[in-house]
N, C-alpha and C. Protein backbone atom coordinates (compact mmCIF):
# COMPACT_ATOMS: atom_id res chain seq x y z
N UNK A 1 101.94 78.27 72.03
CA UNK A 1 102.32 79.14 72.95
C UNK A 1 102.61 80.56 72.22
N UNK A 2 102.07 81.45 73.04
CA UNK A 2 101.85 83.00 72.57
C UNK A 2 103.23 83.57 72.57
N UNK A 3 103.56 84.33 71.48
CA UNK A 3 105.06 85.35 71.53
C UNK A 3 104.58 86.58 71.67
N UNK A 4 103.48 87.03 72.56
CA UNK A 4 103.05 88.04 73.21
C UNK A 4 104.23 88.53 74.10
N UNK A 5 104.68 89.92 73.94
CA UNK A 5 105.50 90.84 74.84
C UNK A 5 104.74 91.69 75.51
N UNK A 6 104.61 91.70 77.04
CA UNK A 6 103.76 92.57 77.67
C UNK A 6 104.78 93.57 78.22
N UNK A 7 104.17 94.94 78.31
CA UNK A 7 105.17 95.97 78.75
C UNK A 7 104.34 96.70 79.79
N UNK A 8 105.46 97.78 80.15
CA UNK A 8 104.89 98.67 80.93
C UNK A 8 105.38 100.18 80.68
N UNK A 9 105.52 100.24 79.37
CA UNK A 9 106.02 101.46 78.80
C UNK A 9 105.14 102.59 79.09
N UNK A 10 103.72 102.43 79.06
CA UNK A 10 102.87 103.49 79.15
C UNK A 10 102.92 103.91 80.70
N UNK A 11 102.93 103.01 81.76
CA UNK A 11 103.00 103.06 83.04
C UNK A 11 104.10 104.22 83.45
N UNK A 12 105.32 103.50 82.95
CA UNK A 12 106.78 104.33 83.22
C UNK A 12 106.51 105.74 82.60
N UNK A 13 105.92 105.91 81.35
CA UNK A 13 106.02 107.25 80.91
C UNK A 13 105.08 108.17 81.70
N UNK A 14 104.09 107.54 82.37
CA UNK A 14 103.03 108.32 82.86
C UNK A 14 103.66 108.91 84.22
N UNK A 15 104.41 107.76 85.06
CA UNK A 15 105.00 107.98 86.23
C UNK A 15 106.09 109.26 86.11
N UNK A 16 106.84 109.22 85.14
CA UNK A 16 107.93 110.25 84.64
C UNK A 16 107.30 111.57 83.80
N UNK A 17 106.11 111.39 83.64
CA UNK A 17 105.40 112.70 82.85
C UNK A 17 106.37 112.77 81.56
N UNK A 18 106.42 111.81 80.73
CA UNK A 18 107.15 111.80 79.46
C UNK A 18 106.14 111.35 78.49
N UNK A 19 106.18 112.35 77.36
CA UNK A 19 105.10 112.13 76.32
C UNK A 19 105.83 110.85 75.30
N UNK A 20 104.85 110.21 74.29
CA UNK A 20 105.40 109.29 73.52
C UNK A 20 106.46 109.90 72.58
N UNK A 21 106.24 111.24 72.23
CA UNK A 21 107.36 112.03 71.43
C UNK A 21 108.66 111.89 72.03
N UNK A 22 108.59 112.38 73.32
CA UNK A 22 109.67 112.63 74.08
C UNK A 22 110.47 111.34 74.20
N UNK A 23 109.96 110.28 74.41
CA UNK A 23 110.61 108.97 74.40
C UNK A 23 111.13 108.52 72.99
N UNK A 24 110.10 108.65 72.03
CA UNK A 24 110.81 108.45 70.83
C UNK A 24 111.87 109.09 70.38
N UNK A 25 112.01 110.44 70.71
CA UNK A 25 113.22 111.24 70.32
C UNK A 25 114.44 110.91 71.02
N UNK A 26 114.14 110.40 72.36
CA UNK A 26 115.53 109.99 73.07
C UNK A 26 116.01 108.64 72.74
N UNK A 27 114.92 107.82 72.02
CA UNK A 27 115.46 106.50 71.48
C UNK A 27 115.66 106.52 70.06
N UNK A 28 115.46 107.76 69.01
CA UNK A 28 115.68 107.47 67.86
C UNK A 28 114.71 106.72 67.16
N UNK A 29 113.67 106.85 67.49
CA UNK A 29 112.47 106.06 66.75
C UNK A 29 111.28 106.99 66.63
N UNK A 30 110.41 106.68 65.58
CA UNK A 30 109.47 107.38 65.29
C UNK A 30 108.26 107.23 66.47
N UNK A 31 107.64 108.40 66.83
CA UNK A 31 106.67 108.29 68.28
C UNK A 31 105.61 107.11 67.95
N UNK A 32 105.04 106.92 66.75
CA UNK A 32 104.05 105.85 66.41
C UNK A 32 104.90 104.53 66.96
N UNK A 33 105.76 104.38 66.86
CA UNK A 33 106.48 103.11 67.29
C UNK A 33 106.38 102.88 68.61
N UNK A 34 106.53 104.05 69.47
CA UNK A 34 106.30 103.95 70.80
C UNK A 34 104.59 103.46 71.24
N UNK A 35 103.74 103.87 70.46
CA UNK A 35 102.49 103.82 70.56
C UNK A 35 102.18 102.29 70.10
N UNK A 36 102.89 101.73 68.99
CA UNK A 36 102.79 100.13 68.68
C UNK A 36 103.23 99.48 70.03
N UNK A 37 104.30 99.80 70.45
CA UNK A 37 104.97 99.08 71.61
C UNK A 37 104.19 98.90 72.73
N UNK A 38 103.35 100.09 73.13
CA UNK A 38 102.66 100.13 74.12
C UNK A 38 101.34 99.30 74.15
N UNK A 39 100.96 99.28 73.04
CA UNK A 39 99.61 98.36 72.49
C UNK A 39 99.99 97.09 72.27
N UNK A 40 101.12 96.54 72.13
CA UNK A 40 101.65 95.29 71.99
C UNK A 40 101.44 94.86 70.78
N UNK A 41 101.36 96.07 69.77
CA UNK A 41 101.25 95.75 68.43
C UNK A 41 102.54 95.32 67.66
N UNK A 42 103.58 95.63 68.36
CA UNK A 42 105.08 95.49 67.85
C UNK A 42 105.80 94.92 69.15
N UNK A 43 106.78 94.05 68.91
CA UNK A 43 107.54 93.65 69.84
C UNK A 43 108.93 94.24 69.59
N UNK A 44 109.74 94.62 70.41
CA UNK A 44 110.91 95.37 70.38
C UNK A 44 112.10 94.52 69.92
N UNK A 45 113.26 94.86 69.20
CA UNK A 45 114.25 94.10 69.17
C UNK A 45 114.94 93.92 70.63
N UNK A 46 115.79 93.23 70.85
CA UNK A 46 116.49 93.08 72.26
C UNK A 46 117.18 94.52 72.38
N UNK A 47 117.95 95.10 71.36
CA UNK A 47 118.46 96.29 71.47
C UNK A 47 117.74 97.32 72.02
N UNK A 48 116.32 97.34 71.18
CA UNK A 48 115.43 98.52 71.53
C UNK A 48 114.96 98.31 73.04
N UNK A 49 114.85 97.23 73.40
CA UNK A 49 114.26 96.82 74.80
C UNK A 49 115.10 97.14 75.80
N UNK A 50 116.30 97.08 75.42
CA UNK A 50 117.59 97.54 76.47
C UNK A 50 117.59 98.88 76.57
N UNK A 51 117.48 99.71 75.52
CA UNK A 51 117.63 101.05 75.39
C UNK A 51 116.39 101.68 76.25
N UNK A 52 115.20 101.17 76.07
CA UNK A 52 114.09 101.58 76.86
C UNK A 52 114.21 101.39 78.23
N UNK A 53 114.83 100.17 78.75
CA UNK A 53 114.82 100.01 80.21
C UNK A 53 115.94 100.93 80.49
N UNK A 54 117.21 101.30 79.81
CA UNK A 54 117.90 102.12 80.20
C UNK A 54 117.58 103.46 80.32
N UNK A 55 116.76 104.06 79.37
CA UNK A 55 115.94 105.36 79.49
C UNK A 55 115.35 105.57 80.67
N UNK A 56 114.69 104.38 81.16
CA UNK A 56 113.94 104.61 82.42
C UNK A 56 114.67 104.13 83.73
N UNK A 57 116.13 103.69 83.37
CA UNK A 57 116.88 103.26 84.37
C UNK A 57 116.36 102.21 85.31
N UNK A 58 115.71 101.40 84.65
CA UNK A 58 115.16 100.04 85.39
C UNK A 58 115.70 98.90 84.73
N UNK A 59 115.71 97.75 85.32
CA UNK A 59 116.15 96.37 84.67
C UNK A 59 114.88 96.18 83.58
N UNK A 60 115.53 95.44 82.58
CA UNK A 60 114.59 95.38 81.50
C UNK A 60 113.52 94.60 81.68
N UNK A 61 113.54 93.45 82.66
CA UNK A 61 112.39 92.76 83.18
C UNK A 61 111.18 93.75 83.96
N UNK A 62 111.49 94.82 84.25
CA UNK A 62 110.68 95.63 84.82
C UNK A 62 109.48 96.31 83.87
N UNK A 63 110.23 96.48 82.46
CA UNK A 63 109.54 96.99 81.56
C UNK A 63 108.80 95.94 80.47
N UNK A 64 109.55 94.78 80.59
CA UNK A 64 109.10 93.82 79.46
C UNK A 64 108.76 92.60 80.13
N UNK A 65 107.85 91.61 79.70
CA UNK A 65 107.60 90.33 80.29
C UNK A 65 106.91 89.44 79.35
N UNK A 66 107.07 88.11 79.37
CA UNK A 66 106.26 87.27 78.31
C UNK A 66 105.01 86.76 78.98
N UNK A 67 104.79 87.40 80.39
CA UNK A 67 103.42 87.04 81.08
C UNK A 67 102.75 88.34 81.30
N UNK A 68 101.49 88.30 81.42
CA UNK A 68 100.88 89.86 81.88
C UNK A 68 101.49 90.19 83.14
N UNK A 69 101.70 91.37 83.45
CA UNK A 69 102.00 92.00 84.66
C UNK A 69 100.82 91.99 85.48
N UNK A 70 100.86 91.88 86.89
CA UNK A 70 99.69 91.96 87.67
C UNK A 70 99.01 93.42 87.45
N UNK A 71 97.79 93.63 87.77
CA UNK A 71 97.34 94.87 87.76
C UNK A 71 97.59 95.58 89.01
N UNK A 72 97.92 96.94 89.13
CA UNK A 72 98.28 97.53 90.31
C UNK A 72 97.12 97.31 91.39
N UNK A 73 97.71 97.16 92.49
CA UNK A 73 96.89 96.56 93.81
C UNK A 73 96.68 95.28 93.58
N UNK A 74 96.76 94.52 92.71
CA UNK A 74 96.62 93.13 92.88
C UNK A 74 97.96 92.33 93.35
N UNK A 75 97.77 91.33 94.22
CA UNK A 75 98.88 90.68 94.79
C UNK A 75 99.49 89.67 93.79
N UNK A 76 100.68 89.33 93.79
CA UNK A 76 101.12 88.09 92.83
C UNK A 76 100.98 86.81 93.48
N UNK A 77 100.52 86.01 92.43
CA UNK A 77 100.25 84.62 92.98
C UNK A 77 101.42 83.82 93.45
């Protein structure tokens, strides 16, 4: 069983025109941490995941999932 955590951080940042550096500063983390999160190279703590969701004002499951998100334009099965 894979322990990969998928996320939509890059998509949310793009929608809101937020840079990695701006998000990192708001969260109190290094901007490279945001890049690691976006690429799935680092899984956030629950605390950080909740803070990211709070920053974007969405439920945490909109940002993070244990299964891949459908591609934009694809219908869910």
